[in-house]
Amino acid sequence: MGLSPLEWPVLRQVRSKDFLGRGPAVTSEKTRTLEPRTTTADRVVQSVCPYCAVGCGQRVFVKDEKVVGIEGDQDSPISRGRLCPKGAASEQLVNNPSRVKQVLYRKPGGTDWEPIERDKAIDMVVDRFIASRRNGWQETDDKGNRLRRTMGIASLGGATLDNEENYLIKKLFTAAGAIQIENQARI
């Protein structure tokens, strides 16, 4: 079934006196009835963009416990409703079908990743952290000067961490005696 000649855009422009074609004359019925997917959301949750340390505010639209959209938070004093392209596309972080949702481990010499329990993975990291600290500990230097540091641990933070996370990581590693602490945002 074709479009009636009376509904042709040029005729609509003349009929509605929208001669420049910038108003309702150039929108179809389908366009006029479209609704943003965010209007159907069950709730809106305030969040912070996970990508860089700027901490732009986000409004996360949730429907049936699934993220259906993300936009900049107008109330954020940091970003005032704006998001970079990565921040605007961060909905893909949670809805990507390729997203890994379990802890994976590749044994030394292994070629494949295998799932392991989260608690087991945390215990492995803690054991290795403590062993590295112990094995790389330097109480004093050759002249007897007190050092109380470890050269067996270093930290390189990523740009997906916000300022608060970086602050806590710096405190943790400093308290453990590490002195090689850096962040991608500073490099």
Protein backbone atom coordinates (compact mmCIF):
# COMPACT_ATOMS: atom_id res chain seq x y z
CA MET A 1 0.00 0.00 0.00
CA GLY A 2 1.63 3.22 -1.17
CA LEU A 3 1.80 6.65 0.36
CA SER A 4 -1.09 8.94 -0.61
CA PRO A 5 0.06 11.86 -2.79
CA LEU A 6 -1.43 14.19 -0.17
CA GLU A 7 1.14 12.86 2.29
CA TRP A 8 4.12 13.56 0.08
CA PRO A 9 6.59 15.75 2.00
CA VAL A 10 6.46 18.69 -0.45
CA LEU A 11 2.67 18.84 -0.30
CA ARG A 12 2.75 18.55 3.51
CA GLN A 13 5.15 21.50 3.59
CA VAL A 14 2.78 23.66 1.53
CA ARG A 15 -0.33 22.52 3.45
CA SER A 16 1.22 23.15 6.87
CA LYS A 17 3.01 26.36 5.80
CA ASP A 18 6.30 24.75 6.84
CA PHE A 19 8.00 26.06 3.69
CA LEU A 20 11.56 25.40 4.89
CA GLY A 21 10.76 21.80 5.75
CA ARG A 22 12.07 21.98 9.30
CA GLY A 23 8.96 21.14 11.28
CA PRO A 24 6.14 18.63 11.35
CA ALA A 25 5.83 18.57 7.56
CA VAL A 26 8.99 16.51 7.23
CA THR A 27 8.33 14.00 9.98
CA SER A 28 6.50 10.77 9.27
CA GLU A 29 3.77 9.30 11.44
CA LYS A 30 6.25 6.67 12.61
CA THR A 31 8.74 9.34 13.68
CA ARG A 32 6.01 11.27 15.55
CA THR A 33 5.03 8.16 17.54
CA LEU A 34 8.54 7.02 18.47
CA GLU A 35 9.49 7.06 22.13
CA PRO A 36 13.01 6.96 23.54
CA ARG A 37 13.82 3.60 25.08
CA THR A 38 14.66 5.44 28.28
CA THR A 39 11.03 6.46 28.85
CA THR A 40 10.07 2.83 29.35
CA ALA A 41 12.72 2.24 32.02
CA ASP A 42 11.59 0.94 35.41
CA ARG A 43 14.12 3.10 37.21
CA VAL A 44 17.05 5.45 36.71
CA VAL A 45 20.25 4.90 38.69
CA GLN A 46 22.97 7.50 39.13
CA SER A 47 26.46 6.18 38.45
CA VAL A 48 29.96 7.23 37.48
CA CYS A 49 31.57 6.43 34.14
CA PRO A 50 34.09 3.58 34.61
CA TYR A 51 36.59 4.61 31.93
CA CYS A 52 38.88 7.39 33.09
CA ALA A 53 39.62 9.10 36.37
CA VAL A 54 37.53 12.18 35.52
CA GLY A 55 34.43 10.68 37.13
CA CYS A 56 31.71 11.88 34.74
CA GLY A 57 28.19 11.37 36.06
CA GLN A 58 25.91 8.92 34.31
CA ARG A 59 22.22 8.16 34.41
CA VAL A 60 21.68 4.43 33.92
CA PHE A 61 18.23 3.41 32.67
CA VAL A 62 17.14 -0.04 33.88
CA LYS A 63 14.16 -2.07 32.64
CA ASP A 64 13.46 -5.58 33.93
CA GLU A 65 16.85 -5.55 35.72
CA LYS A 66 18.69 -4.93 32.42
CA VAL A 67 20.51 -1.75 31.42
CA VAL A 68 18.64 -0.29 28.43
CA GLY A 69 20.50 3.00 28.12
CA ILE A 70 23.07 5.34 29.60
CA GLU A 71 23.30 9.09 29.24
CA GLY A 72 25.14 11.94 30.92
CA ASP A 73 23.86 13.14 34.28
CA GLN A 74 22.77 16.79 34.10
CA ASP A 75 23.22 17.12 37.87
CA SER A 76 26.89 16.10 37.80
CA PRO A 77 29.12 19.06 38.68
CA ILE A 78 31.96 17.33 36.85
CA SER A 79 30.48 16.57 33.44
CA ARG A 80 27.19 18.57 33.49
CA GLY A 81 25.41 15.96 31.39
CA ARG A 82 28.17 15.36 28.88
CA LEU A 83 29.88 12.04 28.12
CA CYS A 84 32.73 11.18 25.77
CA PRO A 85 32.04 8.52 23.12
CA LYS A 86 33.39 5.76 25.36
CA GLY A 87 31.27 6.88 28.30
CA ALA A 88 28.18 7.14 26.12
CA ALA A 89 28.76 3.60 24.86
CA SER A 90 29.49 2.10 28.29
CA GLU A 91 26.13 0.32 28.22
CA GLN A 92 28.00 -2.22 26.09
CA LEU A 93 30.11 -3.14 29.12
CA VAL A 94 27.19 -4.85 30.79
CA ASN A 95 25.17 -6.01 27.78
CA ASN A 96 27.92 -7.37 25.55
CA PRO A 97 27.26 -11.07 24.90
CA SER A 98 31.03 -11.69 24.95
CA ARG A 99 31.40 -10.26 28.47
CA VAL A 100 33.28 -12.60 30.79
CA LYS A 101 31.19 -13.15 33.92
CA GLN A 102 33.42 -15.54 35.85
CA VAL A 103 36.95 -15.62 37.16
CA LEU A 104 39.33 -17.30 34.73
CA TYR A 105 42.79 -18.73 35.44
CA ARG A 106 45.52 -19.99 33.14
CA LYS A 107 47.92 -22.38 34.83
CA PRO A 108 51.66 -21.84 34.36
CA GLY A 109 52.56 -23.37 31.01
CA GLY A 110 48.90 -23.76 30.15
CA THR A 111 47.30 -22.65 26.91
CA ASP A 112 43.65 -22.39 27.97
CA TRP A 113 41.80 -20.34 30.55
CA GLU A 114 39.68 -22.28 33.01
CA PRO A 115 37.04 -21.01 35.42
CA ILE A 116 37.85 -21.05 39.14
CA GLU A 117 35.96 -19.93 42.22
CA ARG A 118 36.29 -16.25 43.14
CA ASP A 119 37.42 -17.01 46.71
CA LYS A 120 40.13 -19.35 45.42
CA ALA A 121 41.37 -16.66 43.01
CA ILE A 122 41.47 -14.05 45.79
CA ASP A 123 43.40 -16.44 48.03
CA MET A 124 45.90 -17.08 45.21
CA VAL A 125 46.46 -13.34 44.70
CA VAL A 126 46.88 -12.75 48.44
CA ASP A 127 49.35 -15.64 48.80
CA ARG A 128 51.42 -14.39 45.87
CA PHE A 129 51.33 -10.80 47.10
CA ILE A 130 52.56 -11.79 50.57
CA ALA A 131 55.27 -14.08 49.14
CA SER A 132 56.49 -11.35 46.77
CA ARG A 133 56.60 -8.84 49.62
CA ARG A 134 58.48 -11.25 51.84
CA ASN A 135 60.98 -12.30 49.14
CA GLY A 136 61.66 -8.74 47.95
CA TRP A 137 61.78 -7.05 51.37
CA GLN A 138 64.68 -4.68 52.06
CA GLU A 139 65.00 -3.67 55.70
CA THR A 140 68.26 -1.71 55.26
CA ASP A 141 70.66 -0.81 52.48
CA ASP A 142 74.39 -1.69 52.29
CA LYS A 143 75.27 1.24 54.57
CA GLY A 144 72.78 0.29 57.24
CA ASN A 145 70.22 2.99 56.34
CA ARG A 146 66.68 1.96 57.18
CA LEU A 147 64.62 1.31 54.02
CA ARG A 148 61.62 -0.85 55.05
CA ARG A 149 60.46 -1.39 51.48
CA THR A 150 59.87 -4.12 48.94
CA MET A 151 61.08 -4.21 45.39
CA GLY A 152 59.04 -7.36 44.71
CA ILE A 153 55.76 -5.52 44.19
CA ALA A 154 54.83 -2.78 41.75
CA SER A 155 51.51 -1.27 40.77
CA LEU A 156 50.36 0.25 37.51
CA GLY A 157 46.80 1.49 37.77
CA GLY A 158 44.59 1.76 34.72
CA ALA A 159 42.55 4.67 33.42
CA THR A 160 39.31 2.85 34.21
CA LEU A 161 39.85 3.50 37.92
CA ASP A 162 38.43 6.64 39.47
CA ASN A 163 40.29 8.94 41.87
CA GLU A 164 38.98 7.23 44.98
CA GLU A 165 40.07 3.78 43.82
CA ASN A 166 43.51 5.08 42.87
CA TYR A 167 43.84 6.76 46.27
CA LEU A 168 43.01 3.50 48.09
CA ILE A 169 45.36 1.46 45.89
CA LYS A 170 48.17 3.95 46.57
CA LYS A 171 47.54 3.68 50.32
CA LEU A 172 47.43 -0.16 50.21
CA PHE A 173 50.65 -0.53 48.24
CA THR A 174 52.46 2.13 50.28
CA ALA A 175 51.40 0.40 53.51
CA ALA A 176 52.74 -2.88 52.09
CA GLY A 177 56.11 -1.23 51.50
CA ALA A 178 55.93 -0.91 47.71
CA ILE A 179 57.56 2.16 46.21
CA GLN A 180 56.97 1.47 42.52
CA ILE A 181 53.43 2.81 42.22
CA GLU A 182 52.19 4.53 39.10
CA ASN A 183 48.96 5.23 37.28
CA GLN A 184 48.18 5.38 33.59
CA ALA A 185 46.55 8.78 34.02
CA ARG A 186 49.92 10.27 35.08
CA ILE A 187 52.09 8.57 32.46
